[in-house]
């Protein structure tokens, strides 16, 4: 996995926008569309607000969710609430291009199956997302693949429902679809992430994030999360 380190979260977000925009142009030129899976977090909302202003062919873009908390529509805990706030300021992006995980359903397991079908309908019978954006928790989780949860062992479904984590159940993409993605873009900021970032870079499969494939991955971090000495064995480099 390559790592690039930037001074602060805003710089990380701006670099992420550049990478996503390039990936979008490449995918649209090759296949006529671009699919991106988005995670939550403070730095990603900065990233998405800047991405909304990027000069890309937005009508060929499809945004799906990496994970979502089970909470009412519009709730501040919902990633979708912030995705809408970040992206829909751009009138070139339509609400129907953002595919919400159906976490308001009374039958969450059936809803996960419907979301998997939605992913198939966007593109391919075996969905391959062009770019998956992931974050890293201070406990080593990514998406809603959290330590000790049975969802970690799901191998036959692209979407599943987790047990309670930090007070809420969640719907999440699983390892099979994450590991089919054409590109993985990690965005990791904050000093509390540094120990787990080091383990992720070491390929530590004992943490959930370490089970995501690394050969198609780029990790963008700020200096708080990835001190310069941590980049020496990764093939990455530090940007001033």
Protein backbone atom coordinates (compact mmCIF):
# COMPACT_ATOMS: atom_id res chain seq x y z
CA UNK A 1 0.00 0.00 0.00
CA UNK A 2 1.27 3.47 -0.85
CA UNK A 3 0.90 6.29 1.64
CA UNK A 4 1.02 10.03 1.10
CA UNK A 5 1.23 12.31 4.12
CA UNK A 6 -0.03 15.90 4.15
CA UNK A 7 0.16 18.64 6.78
CA UNK A 8 -3.48 18.70 7.89
CA UNK A 9 -6.96 17.28 7.22
CA UNK A 10 -7.88 19.98 4.71
CA UNK A 11 -4.81 19.17 2.61
CA UNK A 12 -5.71 15.49 2.80
CA UNK A 13 -9.26 16.23 1.66
CA UNK A 14 -8.06 18.35 -1.25
CA UNK A 15 -5.69 15.63 -2.44
CA UNK A 16 -8.49 13.08 -2.17
CA UNK A 17 -10.66 15.23 -4.42
CA UNK A 18 -7.92 15.31 -7.05
CA UNK A 19 -7.59 11.53 -6.97
CA UNK A 20 -11.35 10.96 -7.13
CA UNK A 21 -11.77 13.38 -10.03
CA UNK A 22 -9.01 11.66 -12.01
CA UNK A 23 -10.56 8.26 -11.28
CA UNK A 24 -13.96 9.52 -12.41
CA UNK A 25 -12.66 10.78 -15.75
CA UNK A 26 -10.79 7.52 -16.30
CA UNK A 27 -13.80 5.33 -15.49
CA UNK A 28 -16.22 7.37 -17.56
CA UNK A 29 -13.87 7.27 -20.54
CA UNK A 30 -13.47 3.50 -20.20
CA UNK A 31 -16.97 2.38 -19.16
CA UNK A 32 -19.31 5.34 -19.49
CA UNK A 33 -19.90 5.72 -15.73
CA UNK A 34 -18.17 6.10 -12.38
CA UNK A 35 -19.27 4.44 -9.16
CA UNK A 36 -17.92 5.58 -5.83
CA UNK A 37 -18.65 4.24 -2.35
CA UNK A 38 -18.43 6.84 0.42
CA UNK A 39 -17.73 6.43 4.13
CA UNK A 40 -18.44 8.93 6.91
CA UNK A 41 -16.21 11.12 9.05
CA UNK A 42 -15.28 14.77 9.54
CA UNK A 43 -12.54 14.95 6.90
CA UNK A 44 -14.72 13.18 4.29
CA UNK A 45 -17.37 15.89 4.60
CA UNK A 46 -14.70 18.45 3.70
CA UNK A 47 -13.68 16.18 0.83
CA UNK A 48 -17.23 15.84 -0.49
CA UNK A 49 -17.95 19.56 -0.31
CA UNK A 50 -14.90 20.23 -2.45
CA UNK A 51 -15.66 17.30 -4.71
CA UNK A 52 -19.08 18.78 -5.45
CA UNK A 53 -17.32 21.70 -7.16
CA UNK A 54 -15.03 19.50 -9.25
CA UNK A 55 -15.27 19.64 -13.03
CA UNK A 56 -16.33 16.08 -13.81
CA UNK A 57 -19.30 14.73 -15.85
CA UNK A 58 -21.62 14.43 -12.87
CA UNK A 59 -24.53 12.82 -14.70
CA UNK A 60 -22.34 9.73 -15.22
CA UNK A 61 -21.51 9.48 -11.49
CA UNK A 62 -23.18 7.12 -9.01
CA UNK A 63 -22.58 7.53 -5.26
CA UNK A 64 -23.27 4.58 -2.96
CA UNK A 65 -22.77 4.20 0.77
CA UNK A 66 -20.06 2.14 2.42
CA UNK A 67 -22.07 1.99 5.64
CA UNK A 68 -24.88 3.62 7.54
CA UNK A 69 -26.21 3.80 11.08
CA UNK A 70 -29.74 2.64 11.78
CA UNK A 71 -31.39 5.98 12.58
CA UNK A 72 -34.31 8.06 11.29
CA UNK A 73 -34.11 10.03 8.04
CA UNK A 74 -32.29 13.32 8.45
CA UNK A 75 -30.74 12.34 11.79
CA UNK A 76 -27.27 13.85 12.35
CA UNK A 77 -25.91 10.36 13.07
CA UNK A 78 -26.76 9.31 9.52
CA UNK A 79 -23.93 9.47 6.98
CA UNK A 80 -26.57 10.15 4.33
CA UNK A 81 -27.54 13.41 6.03
CA UNK A 82 -24.00 14.73 5.60
CA UNK A 83 -23.59 13.29 2.10
CA UNK A 84 -26.68 15.18 0.96
CA UNK A 85 -25.53 18.37 2.68
CA UNK A 86 -22.07 18.08 1.11
CA UNK A 87 -22.97 17.12 -2.45
CA UNK A 88 -26.42 18.49 -3.27
CA UNK A 89 -25.24 22.10 -3.15
CA UNK A 90 -24.03 21.35 -6.68
CA UNK A 91 -27.04 21.57 -8.95
CA UNK A 92 -25.35 19.21 -11.41
CA UNK A 93 -25.75 16.38 -8.91
CA UNK A 94 -29.24 14.93 -8.57
CA UNK A 95 -30.56 13.15 -5.50
CA UNK A 96 -31.27 10.04 -7.59
CA UNK A 97 -27.51 9.64 -8.17
CA UNK A 98 -26.99 9.02 -4.44
CA UNK A 99 -28.13 5.55 -3.37
CA UNK A 100 -29.20 5.48 0.26
CA UNK A 101 -28.86 2.37 2.38
CA UNK A 102 -32.45 1.50 3.47
CA UNK A 103 -31.80 1.53 7.21
CA UNK A 104 -35.29 2.80 8.03
CA UNK A 105 -36.76 -0.54 7.00
CA UNK A 106 -38.32 -2.67 9.77
CA UNK A 107 -36.64 -5.73 8.23
CA UNK A 108 -32.97 -4.82 8.05
CA UNK A 109 -31.79 -8.16 6.71
CA UNK A 110 -34.18 -7.95 3.75
CA UNK A 111 -33.18 -4.32 3.26
CA UNK A 112 -29.52 -5.33 3.03
CA UNK A 113 -30.48 -7.76 0.28
CA UNK A 114 -32.32 -5.00 -1.57
CA UNK A 115 -29.30 -2.72 -1.37
CA UNK A 116 -27.12 -5.48 -2.80
CA UNK A 117 -29.61 -5.75 -5.67
CA UNK A 118 -29.41 -1.98 -6.15
CA UNK A 119 -25.64 -2.25 -6.53
CA UNK A 120 -26.11 -4.94 -9.18
CA UNK A 121 -28.63 -2.79 -11.03
CA UNK A 122 -26.27 0.17 -11.21
CA UNK A 123 -23.68 -1.72 -13.19
CA UNK A 124 -22.85 -5.40 -13.19
CA UNK A 125 -24.32 -8.67 -11.93
CA UNK A 126 -21.17 -8.97 -9.80
CA UNK A 127 -20.74 -5.33 -8.78
CA UNK A 128 -17.27 -3.83 -9.05
CA UNK A 129 -17.10 -0.35 -7.54
CA UNK A 130 -14.64 1.97 -9.28
CA UNK A 131 -13.44 3.66 -6.09
CA UNK A 132 -14.18 2.86 -2.45
CA UNK A 133 -13.36 5.55 0.08
CA UNK A 134 -12.58 4.15 3.54
CA UNK A 135 -11.73 5.55 6.93
CA UNK A 136 -9.97 3.99 9.88
CA UNK A 137 -11.23 3.87 13.46
CA UNK A 138 -9.00 4.10 16.50
CA UNK A 139 -10.02 0.49 17.25
CA UNK A 140 -9.01 -0.70 13.79
CA UNK A 141 -12.48 -0.82 12.25
CA UNK A 142 -13.32 0.34 8.76
CA UNK A 143 -16.76 0.72 7.18
CA UNK A 144 -18.94 -0.86 9.89
CA UNK A 145 -16.68 -3.89 10.07
CA UNK A 146 -15.93 -3.68 13.76
CA UNK A 147 -13.81 -5.88 16.03
CA UNK A 148 -15.55 -9.09 17.06
CA UNK A 149 -18.72 -8.58 15.05
CA UNK A 150 -20.05 -11.62 13.10
CA UNK A 151 -20.33 -9.38 10.03
CA UNK A 152 -16.56 -9.79 9.63
CA UNK A 153 -17.13 -13.37 8.51
CA UNK A 154 -19.79 -12.68 5.87
CA UNK A 155 -18.47 -14.15 2.63
CA UNK A 156 -21.59 -14.72 0.55
CA UNK A 157 -23.23 -11.27 0.58
CA UNK A 158 -22.08 -7.82 -0.49
CA UNK A 159 -24.19 -6.01 2.10
CA UNK A 160 -24.90 -7.06 5.68
CA UNK A 161 -26.20 -5.77 8.99
CA UNK A 162 -23.92 -5.53 12.02
CA UNK A 163 -24.68 -5.80 15.69
CA UNK A 164 -24.79 -2.69 17.88
CA UNK A 165 -21.66 -0.54 17.79
CA UNK A 166 -21.43 2.74 19.70
CA UNK A 167 -25.14 2.48 20.40
CA UNK A 168 -26.48 1.71 16.92
CA UNK A 169 -26.79 -1.20 14.55
CA UNK A 170 -25.40 -0.53 11.10
CA UNK A 171 -25.64 -1.64 7.50
CA UNK A 172 -22.32 -2.10 5.75
CA UNK A 173 -20.58 -3.25 2.62
CA UNK A 174 -18.70 -6.47 3.32
CA UNK A 175 -15.21 -7.68 2.46
CA UNK A 176 -16.24 -9.44 -0.79
CA UNK A 177 -17.40 -6.25 -2.52
CA UNK A 178 -14.73 -4.04 -0.90
CA UNK A 179 -12.03 -6.38 -2.15
CA UNK A 180 -13.43 -6.40 -5.69
CA UNK A 181 -13.13 -2.61 -5.98
CA UNK A 182 -10.90 -1.23 -8.68
CA UNK A 183 -9.39 1.26 -6.23
CA UNK A 184 -9.36 1.75 -2.47
CA UNK A 185 -8.75 5.27 -1.16
CA UNK A 186 -8.06 5.49 2.57
CA UNK A 187 -8.48 8.91 4.21
CA UNK A 188 -7.04 8.89 7.74
CA UNK A 189 -6.57 11.95 9.94
CA UNK A 190 -5.99 12.54 13.64
CA UNK A 191 -3.37 11.40 16.11
CA UNK A 192 -5.70 8.86 17.74
CA UNK A 193 -5.48 6.83 14.51
CA UNK A 194 -1.68 6.54 14.50
CA UNK A 195 -1.33 3.15 16.26
CA UNK A 196 -3.91 1.48 14.02
CA UNK A 197 -2.57 3.15 10.90
CA UNK A 198 0.80 1.57 11.61
CA UNK A 199 -0.87 -1.84 11.95
CA UNK A 200 -2.83 -1.29 8.74
CA UNK A 201 0.35 -0.48 6.84
CA UNK A 202 1.91 -3.65 8.25
CA UNK A 203 -0.97 -5.69 6.81
CA UNK A 204 -2.16 -6.77 10.26
CA UNK A 205 -5.18 -8.99 9.58
CA UNK A 206 -6.02 -9.04 13.30
CA UNK A 207 -7.72 -5.65 12.87
CA UNK A 208 -10.75 -5.38 10.57
CA UNK A 209 -9.13 -2.75 8.35
CA UNK A 210 -6.17 -5.05 7.76
CA UNK A 211 -8.37 -7.51 5.88
CA UNK A 212 -9.05 -5.05 3.03
CA UNK A 213 -6.84 -5.72 0.02
CA UNK A 214 -3.87 -3.40 -0.24
CA UNK A 215 -2.58 -3.87 -3.78
CA UNK A 216 -5.12 -1.39 -5.23
CA UNK A 217 -4.96 0.98 -2.26
CA UNK A 218 -3.64 4.47 -1.62
CA UNK A 219 -3.68 5.91 1.89
CA UNK A 220 -3.81 9.66 2.46
CA UNK A 221 -3.00 10.76 5.99
CA UNK A 222 -2.18 13.90 7.90
CA UNK A 223 1.00 14.22 9.93
CA UNK A 224 -0.85 13.62 13.17
CA UNK A 225 -2.00 10.19 12.01
CA UNK A 226 1.21 9.21 10.22
CA UNK A 227 4.42 10.72 11.55
CA UNK A 228 7.14 10.86 8.90
CA UNK A 229 9.07 7.87 10.25
CA UNK A 230 6.07 5.65 9.57
CA UNK A 231 6.31 6.15 5.82
CA UNK A 232 9.81 4.80 5.33
CA UNK A 233 8.78 1.18 4.72
CA UNK A 234 5.62 1.78 2.68
CA UNK A 235 6.87 3.06 -0.61
CA UNK A 236 5.05 6.29 0.08
CA UNK A 237 6.29 9.81 0.53
CA UNK A 238 5.67 12.88 2.61
CA UNK A 239 4.32 16.03 1.02
CA UNK A 240 5.19 19.35 2.62
